[in-house]
Amino acid sequence: AVNICSMVFGNLGHDSGTGVIFTRNPNTG
């Protein structure tokens, strides 16, 4: 499939950003 999504910007200033999060520790569970 192709996903087309309106942009939000992580590089707009120091109150925006990007990252990866998990609700559990992927190493230990």
mmCIF file of all heavy atoms, coordinates in Angstrom:
data_MODEL
# 
_entry.id   MODEL 
# 
loop_
_atom_site.group_PDB 
_atom_site.id 
_atom_site.type_symbol 
_atom_site.label_atom_id 
_atom_site.label_alt_id 
_atom_site.label_comp_id 
_atom_site.label_asym_id 
_atom_site.label_entity_id 
_atom_site.label_seq_id 
_atom_site.pdbx_PDB_ins_code 
_atom_site.Cartn_x 
_atom_site.Cartn_y 
_atom_site.Cartn_z 
_atom_site.occupancy 
_atom_site.B_iso_or_equiv 
_atom_site.pdbx_formal_charge 
_atom_site.auth_seq_id 
_atom_site.auth_comp_id 
_atom_site.auth_asym_id 
_atom_site.auth_atom_id 
_atom_site.pdbx_PDB_model_num 
ATOM 1   N N   . ALA A 1 1  ? 0.855  -1.189 0.000  1.00 0.00 ? 1  ALA A N   1 
ATOM 2   C CA  . ALA A 1 1  ? 0.000  0.000  0.000  1.00 0.00 ? 1  ALA A CA  1 
ATOM 3   C C   . ALA A 1 1  ? 0.891  1.239  0.000  1.00 0.00 ? 1  ALA A C   1 
ATOM 4   O O   . ALA A 1 1  ? 2.101  1.150  0.220  1.00 0.00 ? 1  ALA A O   1 
ATOM 5   C CB  . ALA A 1 1  ? -0.893 -0.021 1.234  1.00 0.00 ? 1  ALA A CB  1 
ATOM 6   N N   . VAL A 1 2  ? 0.271  2.393  -0.256 1.00 0.00 ? 2  VAL A N   1 
ATOM 7   C CA  . VAL A 1 2  ? 0.972  3.682  -0.187 1.00 0.00 ? 2  VAL A CA  1 
ATOM 8   C C   . VAL A 1 2  ? 0.233  4.539  0.829  1.00 0.00 ? 2  VAL A C   1 
ATOM 9   O O   . VAL A 1 2  ? -0.991 4.711  0.726  1.00 0.00 ? 2  VAL A O   1 
ATOM 10  C CB  . VAL A 1 2  ? 0.950  4.409  -1.557 1.00 0.00 ? 2  VAL A CB  1 
ATOM 11  C CG1 . VAL A 1 2  ? 1.765  5.696  -1.491 1.00 0.00 ? 2  VAL A CG1 1 
ATOM 12  C CG2 . VAL A 1 2  ? 1.458  3.514  -2.671 1.00 0.00 ? 2  VAL A CG2 1 
ATOM 13  N N   . ASN A 1 3  ? 0.964  5.070  1.814  1.00 0.00 ? 3  ASN A N   1 
ATOM 14  C CA  . ASN A 1 3  ? 0.345  5.934  2.819  1.00 0.00 ? 3  ASN A CA  1 
ATOM 15  C C   . ASN A 1 3  ? 0.744  7.383  2.587  1.00 0.00 ? 3  ASN A C   1 
ATOM 16  O O   . ASN A 1 3  ? 1.928  7.704  2.564  1.00 0.00 ? 3  ASN A O   1 
ATOM 17  C CB  . ASN A 1 3  ? 0.773  5.495  4.217  1.00 0.00 ? 3  ASN A CB  1 
ATOM 18  C CG  . ASN A 1 3  ? 0.325  4.077  4.510  1.00 0.00 ? 3  ASN A CG  1 
ATOM 19  O OD1 . ASN A 1 3  ? -0.862 3.808  4.589  1.00 0.00 ? 3  ASN A OD1 1 
ATOM 20  N ND2 . ASN A 1 3  ? 1.273  3.158  4.621  1.00 0.00 ? 3  ASN A ND2 1 
ATOM 21  N N   . ILE A 1 4  ? -0.267 8.230  2.396  1.00 0.00 ? 4  ILE A N   1 
ATOM 22  C CA  . ILE A 1 4  ? -0.029 9.655  2.148  1.00 0.00 ? 4  ILE A CA  1 
ATOM 23  C C   . ILE A 1 4  ? -0.612 10.424 3.330  1.00 0.00 ? 4  ILE A C   1 
ATOM 24  O O   . ILE A 1 4  ? -1.807 10.328 3.622  1.00 0.00 ? 4  ILE A O   1 
ATOM 25  C CB  . ILE A 1 4  ? -0.678 10.077 0.809  1.00 0.00 ? 4  ILE A CB  1 
ATOM 26  C CG1 . ILE A 1 4  ? 0.069  9.361  -0.339 1.00 0.00 ? 4  ILE A CG1 1 
ATOM 27  C CG2 . ILE A 1 4  ? -0.637 11.591 0.622  1.00 0.00 ? 4  ILE A CG2 1 
ATOM 28  C CD1 . ILE A 1 4  ? -0.672 9.244  -1.619 1.00 0.00 ? 4  ILE A CD1 1 
ATOM 29  N N   . CYS A 1 5  ? 0.253  11.139 4.022  1.00 0.00 ? 5  CYS A N   1 
ATOM 30  C CA  . CYS A 1 5  ? -0.133 11.729 5.313  1.00 0.00 ? 5  CYS A CA  1 
ATOM 31  C C   . CYS A 1 5  ? 0.291  13.197 5.356  1.00 0.00 ? 5  CYS A C   1 
ATOM 32  O O   . CYS A 1 5  ? 1.405  13.527 4.933  1.00 0.00 ? 5  CYS A O   1 
ATOM 33  C CB  . CYS A 1 5  ? 0.583  10.936 6.418  1.00 0.00 ? 5  CYS A CB  1 
ATOM 34  S SG  . CYS A 1 5  ? 0.119  11.397 8.073  1.00 0.00 ? 5  CYS A SG  1 
ATOM 35  N N   . SER A 1 6  ? -0.594 14.071 5.849  1.00 0.00 ? 6  SER A N   1 
ATOM 36  C CA  . SER A 1 6  ? -0.212 15.487 5.923  1.00 0.00 ? 6  SER A CA  1 
ATOM 37  C C   . SER A 1 6  ? 0.968  15.645 6.888  1.00 0.00 ? 6  SER A C   1 
ATOM 38  O O   . SER A 1 6  ? 1.029  14.974 7.915  1.00 0.00 ? 6  SER A O   1 
ATOM 39  C CB  . SER A 1 6  ? -1.403 16.346 6.358  1.00 0.00 ? 6  SER A CB  1 
ATOM 40  O OG  . SER A 1 6  ? -2.040 15.783 7.466  1.00 0.00 ? 6  SER A OG  1 
ATOM 41  N N   . MET A 1 7  ? 1.895  16.522 6.533  1.00 0.00 ? 7  MET A N   1 
ATOM 42  C CA  . MET A 1 7  ? 3.137  16.657 7.293  1.00 0.00 ? 7  MET A CA  1 
ATOM 43  C C   . MET A 1 7  ? 2.923  17.375 8.625  1.00 0.00 ? 7  MET A C   1 
ATOM 44  O O   . MET A 1 7  ? 2.166  18.331 8.732  1.00 0.00 ? 7  MET A O   1 
ATOM 45  C CB  . MET A 1 7  ? 4.163  17.478 6.488  1.00 0.00 ? 7  MET A CB  1 
ATOM 46  C CG  . MET A 1 7  ? 4.907  16.704 5.430  1.00 0.00 ? 7  MET A CG  1 
ATOM 47  S SD  . MET A 1 7  ? 5.996  15.400 6.072  1.00 0.00 ? 7  MET A SD  1 
ATOM 48  C CE  . MET A 1 7  ? 7.131  16.341 7.086  1.00 0.00 ? 7  MET A CE  1 
ATOM 49  N N   . VAL A 1 8  ? 3.620  16.887 9.630  1.00 0.00 ? 8  VAL A N   1 
ATOM 50  C CA  . VAL A 1 8  ? 3.870  17.672 10.849 1.00 0.00 ? 8  VAL A CA  1 
ATOM 51  C C   . VAL A 1 8  ? 5.389  17.774 10.930 1.00 0.00 ? 8  VAL A C   1 
ATOM 52  O O   . VAL A 1 8  ? 6.099  16.914 10.411 1.00 0.00 ? 8  VAL A O   1 
ATOM 53  C CB  . VAL A 1 8  ? 3.293  17.012 12.115 1.00 0.00 ? 8  VAL A CB  1 
ATOM 54  C CG1 . VAL A 1 8  ? 1.791  17.119 12.144 1.00 0.00 ? 8  VAL A CG1 1 
ATOM 55  C CG2 . VAL A 1 8  ? 3.722  15.564 12.219 1.00 0.00 ? 8  VAL A CG2 1 
ATOM 56  N N   . PHE A 1 9  ? 5.881  18.827 11.565 1.00 0.00 ? 9  PHE A N   1 
ATOM 57  C CA  . PHE A 1 9  ? 7.314  19.111 11.449 1.00 0.00 ? 9  PHE A CA  1 
ATOM 58  C C   . PHE A 1 9  ? 8.049  18.986 12.765 1.00 0.00 ? 9  PHE A C   1 
ATOM 59  O O   . PHE A 1 9  ? 7.725  19.656 13.738 1.00 0.00 ? 9  PHE A O   1 
ATOM 60  C CB  . PHE A 1 9  ? 7.512  20.516 10.877 1.00 0.00 ? 9  PHE A CB  1 
ATOM 61  C CG  . PHE A 1 9  ? 6.853  20.680 9.541  1.00 0.00 ? 9  PHE A CG  1 
ATOM 62  C CD1 . PHE A 1 9  ? 5.626  21.304 9.418  1.00 0.00 ? 9  PHE A CD1 1 
ATOM 63  C CD2 . PHE A 1 9  ? 7.462  20.179 8.397  1.00 0.00 ? 9  PHE A CD2 1 
ATOM 64  C CE1 . PHE A 1 9  ? 5.009  21.432 8.180  1.00 0.00 ? 9  PHE A CE1 1 
ATOM 65  C CE2 . PHE A 1 9  ? 6.849  20.302 7.157  1.00 0.00 ? 9  PHE A CE2 1 
ATOM 66  C CZ  . PHE A 1 9  ? 5.626  20.932 7.051  1.00 0.00 ? 9  PHE A CZ  1 
ATOM 67  N N   . GLY A 1 10 ? 9.049  18.112 12.762 1.00 0.00 ? 10 GLY A N   1 
ATOM 68  C CA  . GLY A 1 10 ? 9.888  17.963 13.946 1.00 0.00 ? 10 GLY A CA  1 
ATOM 69  C C   . GLY A 1 10 ? 11.036 18.955 13.962 1.00 0.00 ? 10 GLY A C   1 
ATOM 70  O O   . GLY A 1 10 ? 11.722 19.090 14.963 1.00 0.00 ? 10 GLY A O   1 
ATOM 71  N N   . ASN A 1 11 ? 11.221 19.648 12.825 1.00 0.00 ? 11 ASN A N   1 
ATOM 72  C CA  . ASN A 1 11 ? 12.388 20.538 12.716 1.00 0.00 ? 11 ASN A CA  1 
ATOM 73  C C   . ASN A 1 11 ? 11.989 22.009 12.694 1.00 0.00 ? 11 ASN A C   1 
ATOM 74  O O   . ASN A 1 11 ? 12.651 22.847 12.108 1.00 0.00 ? 11 ASN A O   1 
ATOM 75  C CB  . ASN A 1 11 ? 13.197 20.193 11.452 1.00 0.00 ? 11 ASN A CB  1 
ATOM 76  C CG  . ASN A 1 11 ? 12.369 20.275 10.174 1.00 0.00 ? 11 ASN A CG  1 
ATOM 77  O OD1 . ASN A 1 11 ? 11.155 20.127 10.217 1.00 0.00 ? 11 ASN A OD1 1 
ATOM 78  N ND2 . ASN A 1 11 ? 13.015 20.505 9.040  1.00 0.00 ? 11 ASN A ND2 1 
ATOM 79  N N   . LEU A 1 12 ? 10.866 22.326 13.354 1.00 0.00 ? 12 LEU A N   1 
ATOM 80  C CA  . LEU A 1 12 ? 10.332 23.690 13.325 1.00 0.00 ? 12 LEU A CA  1 
ATOM 81  C C   . LEU A 1 12 ? 10.939 24.572 14.415 1.00 0.00 ? 12 LEU A C   1 
ATOM 82  O O   . LEU A 1 12 ? 10.749 25.768 14.446 1.00 0.00 ? 12 LEU A O   1 
ATOM 83  C CB  . LEU A 1 12 ? 8.804  23.633 13.459 1.00 0.00 ? 12 LEU A CB  1 
ATOM 84  C CG  . LEU A 1 12 ? 7.984  24.876 13.180 1.00 0.00 ? 12 LEU A CG  1 
ATOM 85  C CD1 . LEU A 1 12 ? 8.437  25.584 11.910 1.00 0.00 ? 12 LEU A CD1 1 
ATOM 86  C CD2 . LEU A 1 12 ? 6.511  24.533 13.058 1.00 0.00 ? 12 LEU A CD2 1 
ATOM 87  N N   . GLY A 1 13 ? 11.660 23.958 15.348 1.00 0.00 ? 13 GLY A N   1 
ATOM 88  C CA  . GLY A 1 13 ? 12.244 24.727 16.451 1.00 0.00 ? 13 GLY A CA  1 
ATOM 89  C C   . GLY A 1 13 ? 12.534 23.794 17.600 1.00 0.00 ? 13 GLY A C   1 
ATOM 90  O O   . GLY A 1 13 ? 12.368 22.578 17.483 1.00 0.00 ? 13 GLY A O   1 
ATOM 91  N N   . HIS A 1 14 ? 12.948 24.357 18.727 1.00 0.00 ? 14 HIS A N   1 
ATOM 92  C CA  . HIS A 1 14 ? 13.359 23.491 19.836 1.00 0.00 ? 14 HIS A CA  1 
ATOM 93  C C   . HIS A 1 14 ? 12.191 22.952 20.661 1.00 0.00 ? 14 HIS A C   1 
ATOM 94  O O   . HIS A 1 14 ? 12.385 22.183 21.601 1.00 0.00 ? 14 HIS A O   1 
ATOM 95  C CB  . HIS A 1 14 ? 14.401 24.206 20.705 1.00 0.00 ? 14 HIS A CB  1 
ATOM 96  C CG  . HIS A 1 14 ? 15.716 24.322 19.974 1.00 0.00 ? 14 HIS A CG  1 
ATOM 97  N ND1 . HIS A 1 14 ? 16.544 23.236 19.768 1.00 0.00 ? 14 HIS A ND1 1 
ATOM 98  C CD2 . HIS A 1 14 ? 16.295 25.367 19.336 1.00 0.00 ? 14 HIS A CD2 1 
ATOM 99  C CE1 . HIS A 1 14 ? 17.593 23.614 19.058 1.00 0.00 ? 14 HIS A CE1 1 
ATOM 100 N NE2 . HIS A 1 14 ? 17.462 24.904 18.773 1.00 0.00 ? 14 HIS A NE2 1 
ATOM 101 N N   . ASP A 1 15 ? 10.950 23.350 20.294 1.00 0.00 ? 15 ASP A N   1 
ATOM 102 C CA  . ASP A 1 15 ? 9.791  22.752 20.977 1.00 0.00 ? 15 ASP A CA  1 
ATOM 103 C C   . ASP A 1 15 ? 9.118  21.727 20.071 1.00 0.00 ? 15 ASP A C   1 
ATOM 104 O O   . ASP A 1 15 ? 7.985  21.330 20.293 1.00 0.00 ? 15 ASP A O   1 
ATOM 105 C CB  . ASP A 1 15 ? 8.791  23.838 21.403 1.00 0.00 ? 15 ASP A CB  1 
ATOM 106 C CG  . ASP A 1 15 ? 8.300  24.655 20.208 1.00 0.00 ? 15 ASP A CG  1 
ATOM 107 O OD1 . ASP A 1 15 ? 8.882  24.511 19.107 1.00 0.00 ? 15 ASP A OD1 1 
ATOM 108 O OD2 . ASP A 1 15 ? 7.343  25.431 20.386 1.00 0.00 ? 15 ASP A OD2 1 
ATOM 109 N N   . SER A 1 16 ? 9.823  21.300 19.010 1.00 0.00 ? 16 SER A N   1 
ATOM 110 C CA  . SER A 1 16 ? 9.307  20.203 18.178 1.00 0.00 ? 16 SER A CA  1 
ATOM 111 C C   . SER A 1 16 ? 10.409 19.163 18.058 1.00 0.00 ? 16 SER A C   1 
ATOM 112 O O   . SER A 1 16 ? 11.567 19.439 18.359 1.00 0.00 ? 16 SER A O   1 
ATOM 113 C CB  . SER A 1 16 ? 8.888  20.738 16.804 1.00 0.00 ? 16 SER A CB  1 
ATOM 114 O OG  . SER A 1 16 ? 9.972  21.354 16.152 1.00 0.00 ? 16 SER A OG  1 
ATOM 115 N N   . GLY A 1 17 ? 10.046 17.971 17.628 1.00 0.00 ? 17 GLY A N   1 
ATOM 116 C CA  . GLY A 1 17 ? 11.075 16.928 17.564 1.00 0.00 ? 17 GLY A CA  1 
ATOM 117 C C   . GLY A 1 17 ? 10.567 15.653 16.924 1.00 0.00 ? 17 GLY A C   1 
ATOM 118 O O   . GLY A 1 17 ? 9.482  15.594 16.352 1.00 0.00 ? 17 GLY A O   1 
ATOM 119 N N   . THR A 1 18 ? 11.376 14.634 17.040 1.00 0.00 ? 18 THR A N   1 
ATOM 120 C CA  . THR A 1 18 ? 11.057 13.329 16.444 1.00 0.00 ? 18 THR A CA  1 
ATOM 121 C C   . THR A 1 18 ? 11.613 12.252 17.368 1.00 0.00 ? 18 THR A C   1 
ATOM 122 O O   . THR A 1 18 ? 12.475 12.529 18.200 1.00 0.00 ? 18 THR A O   1 
ATOM 123 C CB  . THR A 1 18 ? 11.699 13.229 15.036 1.00 0.00 ? 18 THR A CB  1 
ATOM 124 O OG1 . THR A 1 18 ? 11.325 11.981 14.454 1.00 0.00 ? 18 THR A OG1 1 
ATOM 125 C CG2 . THR A 1 18 ? 13.223 13.293 15.085 1.00 0.00 ? 18 THR A CG2 1 
ATOM 126 N N   . GLY A 1 19 ? 11.123 11.047 17.228 1.00 0.00 ? 19 GLY A N   1 
ATOM 127 C CA  . GLY A 1 19 ? 11.662 9.983  18.075 1.00 0.00 ? 19 GLY A CA  1 
ATOM 128 C C   . GLY A 1 19 ? 10.893 8.685  17.930 1.00 0.00 ? 19 GLY A C   1 
ATOM 129 O O   . GLY A 1 19 ? 9.991  8.565  17.104 1.00 0.00 ? 19 GLY A O   1 
ATOM 130 N N   . VAL A 1 20 ? 11.278 7.730  18.751 1.00 0.00 ? 20 VAL A N   1 
ATOM 131 C CA  . VAL A 1 20 ? 10.652 6.396  18.751 1.00 0.00 ? 20 VAL A CA  1 
ATOM 132 C C   . VAL A 1 20 ? 10.373 6.033  20.201 1.00 0.00 ? 20 VAL A C   1 
ATOM 133 O O   . VAL A 1 20 ? 11.266 6.154  21.045 1.00 0.00 ? 20 VAL A O   1 
ATOM 134 C CB  . VAL A 1 20 ? 11.617 5.343  18.146 1.00 0.00 ? 20 VAL A CB  1 
ATOM 135 C CG1 . VAL A 1 20 ? 10.993 3.965  18.179 1.00 0.00 ? 20 VAL A CG1 1 
ATOM 136 C CG2 . VAL A 1 20 ? 12.005 5.721  16.727 1.00 0.00 ? 20 VAL A CG2 1 
ATOM 137 N N   . ILE A 1 21 ? 9.149  5.608  20.496 1.00 0.00 ? 21 ILE A N   1 
ATOM 138 C CA  . ILE A 1 21 ? 8.869  5.174  21.873 1.00 0.00 ? 21 ILE A CA  1 
ATOM 139 C C   . ILE A 1 21 ? 8.109  3.857  21.920 1.00 0.00 ? 21 ILE A C   1 
ATOM 140 O O   . ILE A 1 21 ? 7.379  3.512  21.002 1.00 0.00 ? 21 ILE A O   1 
ATOM 141 C CB  . ILE A 1 21 ? 8.089  6.212  22.720 1.00 0.00 ? 21 ILE A CB  1 
ATOM 142 C CG1 . ILE A 1 21 ? 6.995  6.861  21.893 1.00 0.00 ? 21 ILE A CG1 1 
ATOM 143 C CG2 . ILE A 1 21 ? 9.000  7.204  23.385 1.00 0.00 ? 21 ILE A CG2 1 
ATOM 144 C CD1 . ILE A 1 21 ? 6.119  7.791  22.693 1.00 0.00 ? 21 ILE A CD1 1 
ATOM 145 N N   . PHE A 1 22 ? 8.316  3.155  23.022 1.00 0.00 ? 22 PHE A N   1 
ATOM 146 C CA  . PHE A 1 22 ? 7.643  1.877  23.296 1.00 0.00 ? 22 PHE A CA  1 
ATOM 147 C C   . PHE A 1 22 ? 6.941  1.990  24.647 1.00 0.00 ? 22 PHE A C   1 
ATOM 148 O O   . PHE A 1 22 ? 7.393  2.728  25.512 1.00 0.00 ? 22 PHE A O   1 
ATOM 149 C CB  . PHE A 1 22 ? 8.673  0.735  23.402 1.00 0.00 ? 22 PHE A CB  1 
ATOM 150 C CG  . PHE A 1 22 ? 9.511  0.552  22.166 1.00 0.00 ? 22 PHE A CG  1 
ATOM 151 C CD1 . PHE A 1 22 ? 10.669 1.301  21.979 1.00 0.00 ? 22 PHE A CD1 1 
ATOM 152 C CD2 . PHE A 1 22 ? 9.164  -0.378 21.194 1.00 0.00 ? 22 PHE A CD2 1 
ATOM 153 C CE1 . PHE A 1 22 ? 11.462 1.136  20.840 1.00 0.00 ? 22 PHE A CE1 1 
ATOM 154 C CE2 . PHE A 1 22 ? 9.947  -0.546 20.055 1.00 0.00 ? 22 PHE A CE2 1 
ATOM 155 C CZ  . PHE A 1 22 ? 11.091 0.205  19.887 1.00 0.00 ? 22 PHE A CZ  1 
ATOM 156 N N   . THR A 1 23 ? 5.851  1.230  24.811 1.00 0.00 ? 23 THR A N   1 
ATOM 157 C CA  . THR A 1 23 ? 5.190  1.227  26.120 1.00 0.00 ? 23 THR A CA  1 
ATOM 158 C C   . THR A 1 23 ? 5.847  0.183  27.040 1.00 0.00 ? 23 THR A C   1 
ATOM 159 O O   . THR A 1 23 ? 5.548  0.111  28.211 1.00 0.00 ? 23 THR A O   1 
ATOM 160 C CB  . THR A 1 23 ? 3.687  0.902  25.986 1.00 0.00 ? 23 THR A CB  1 
ATOM 161 O OG1 . THR A 1 23 ? 3.567  -0.381 25.349 1.00 0.00 ? 23 THR A OG1 1 
ATOM 162 C CG2 . THR A 1 23 ? 2.968  1.938  25.136 1.00 0.00 ? 23 THR A CG2 1 
ATOM 163 N N   . ARG A 1 24 ? 6.726  -0.639 26.467 1.00 0.00 ? 24 ARG A N   1 
ATOM 164 C CA  . ARG A 1 24 ? 7.497  -1.619 27.257 1.00 0.00 ? 24 ARG A CA  1 
ATOM 165 C C   . ARG A 1 24 ? 8.947  -1.538 26.825 1.00 0.00 ? 24 ARG A C   1 
ATOM 166 O O   . ARG A 1 24 ? 9.239  -1.142 25.699 1.00 0.00 ? 24 ARG A O   1 
ATOM 167 C CB  . ARG A 1 24 ? 7.008  -3.058 26.980 1.00 0.00 ? 24 ARG A CB  1 
ATOM 168 C CG  . ARG A 1 24 ? 5.515  -3.276 27.155 1.00 0.00 ? 24 ARG A CG  1 
ATOM 169 C CD  . ARG A 1 24 ? 5.174  -3.499 28.600 1.00 0.00 ? 24 ARG A CD  1 
ATOM 170 N NE  . ARG A 1 24 ? 3.745  -3.382 28.830 1.00 0.00 ? 24 ARG A NE  1 
ATOM 171 C CZ  . ARG A 1 24 ? 3.043  -4.261 29.528 1.00 0.00 ? 24 ARG A CZ  1 
ATOM 172 N NH1 . ARG A 1 24 ? 3.629  -5.334 30.019 1.00 0.00 ? 24 ARG A NH1 1 
ATOM 173 N NH2 . ARG A 1 24 ? 1.770  -4.071 29.744 1.00 0.00 ? 24 ARG A NH2 1 
ATOM 174 N N   . ASN A 1 25 ? 9.831  -1.984 27.695 1.00 0.00 ? 25 ASN A N   1 
ATOM 175 C CA  . ASN A 1 25 ? 11.241 -2.068 27.324 1.00 0.00 ? 25 ASN A CA  1 
ATOM 176 C C   . ASN A 1 25 ? 11.401 -3.233 26.341 1.00 0.00 ? 25 ASN A C   1 
ATOM 177 O O   . ASN A 1 25 ? 11.159 -4.384 26.698 1.00 0.00 ? 25 ASN A O   1 
ATOM 178 C CB  . ASN A 1 25 ? 12.093 -2.305 28.583 1.00 0.00 ? 25 ASN A CB  1 
ATOM 179 C CG  . ASN A 1 25 ? 13.574 -2.346 28.267 1.00 0.00 ? 25 ASN A CG  1 
ATOM 180 O OD1 . ASN A 1 25 ? 13.998 -2.886 27.249 1.00 0.00 ? 25 ASN A OD1 1 
ATOM 181 N ND2 . ASN A 1 25 ? 14.363 -1.787 29.155 1.00 0.00 ? 25 ASN A ND2 1 
ATOM 182 N N   . PRO A 1 26 ? 11.789 -2.971 25.076 1.00 0.00 ? 26 PRO A N   1 
ATOM 183 C CA  . PRO A 1 26 ? 11.849 -4.060 24.088 1.00 0.00 ? 26 PRO A CA  1 
ATOM 184 C C   . PRO A 1 26 ? 12.939 -5.092 24.401 1.00 0.00 ? 26 PRO A C   1 
ATOM 185 O O   . PRO A 1 26 ? 12.902 -6.205 23.884 1.00 0.00 ? 26 PRO A O   1 
ATOM 186 C CB  . PRO A 1 26 ? 12.142 -3.341 22.769 1.00 0.00 ? 26 PRO A CB  1 
ATOM 187 C CG  . PRO A 1 26 ? 12.654 -2.005 23.136 1.00 0.00 ? 26 PRO A CG  1 
ATOM 188 C CD  . PRO A 1 26 ? 12.158 -1.662 24.491 1.00 0.00 ? 26 PRO A CD  1 
ATOM 189 N N   . ASN A 1 27 ? 13.895 -4.722 25.250 1.00 0.00 ? 27 ASN A N   1 
ATOM 190 C CA  . ASN A 1 27 ? 14.974 -5.671 25.593 1.00 0.00 ? 27 ASN A CA  1 
ATOM 191 C C   . ASN A 1 27 ? 14.576 -6.632 26.709 1.00 0.00 ? 27 ASN A C   1 
ATOM 192 O O   . ASN A 1 27 ? 14.949 -7.805 26.692 1.00 0.00 ? 27 ASN A O   1 
ATOM 193 C CB  . ASN A 1 27 ? 16.236 -4.908 26.021 1.00 0.00 ? 27 ASN A CB  1 
ATOM 194 C CG  . ASN A 1 27 ? 16.657 -3.904 24.962 1.00 0.00 ? 27 ASN A CG  1 
ATOM 195 O OD1 . ASN A 1 27 ? 16.701 -4.228 23.785 1.00 0.00 ? 27 ASN A OD1 1 
ATOM 196 N ND2 . ASN A 1 27 ? 16.921 -2.671 25.370 1.00 0.00 ? 27 ASN A ND2 1 
ATOM 197 N N   . THR A 1 28 ? 13.797 -6.124 27.679 1.00 0.00 ? 28 THR A N   1 
ATOM 198 C CA  . THR A 1 28 ? 13.484 -6.962 28.852 1.00 0.00 ? 28 THR A CA  1 
ATOM 199 C C   . THR A 1 28 ? 11.989 -7.280 28.968 1.00 0.00 ? 28 THR A C   1 
ATOM 200 O O   . THR A 1 28 ? 11.602 -8.166 29.725 1.00 0.00 ? 28 THR A O   1 
ATOM 201 C CB  . THR A 1 28 ? 13.898 -6.226 30.144 1.00 0.00 ? 28 THR A CB  1 
ATOM 202 O OG1 . THR A 1 28 ? 13.099 -5.028 30.255 1.00 0.00 ? 28 THR A OG1 1 
ATOM 203 C CG2 . THR A 1 28 ? 15.374 -5.849 30.119 1.00 0.00 ? 28 THR A CG2 1 
ATOM 204 N N   . GLY A 1 29 ? 11.153 -6.529 28.229 1.00 0.00 ? 29 GLY A N   1 
ATOM 205 C CA  . GLY A 1 29 ? 9.705  -6.729 28.349 1.00 0.00 ? 29 GLY A CA  1 
ATOM 206 C C   . GLY A 1 29 ? 9.115  -6.014 29.546 1.00 0.00 ? 29 GLY A C   1 
ATOM 207 O O   . GLY A 1 29 ? 7.908  -6.033 29.780 1.00 0.00 ? 29 GLY A O   1 
# 
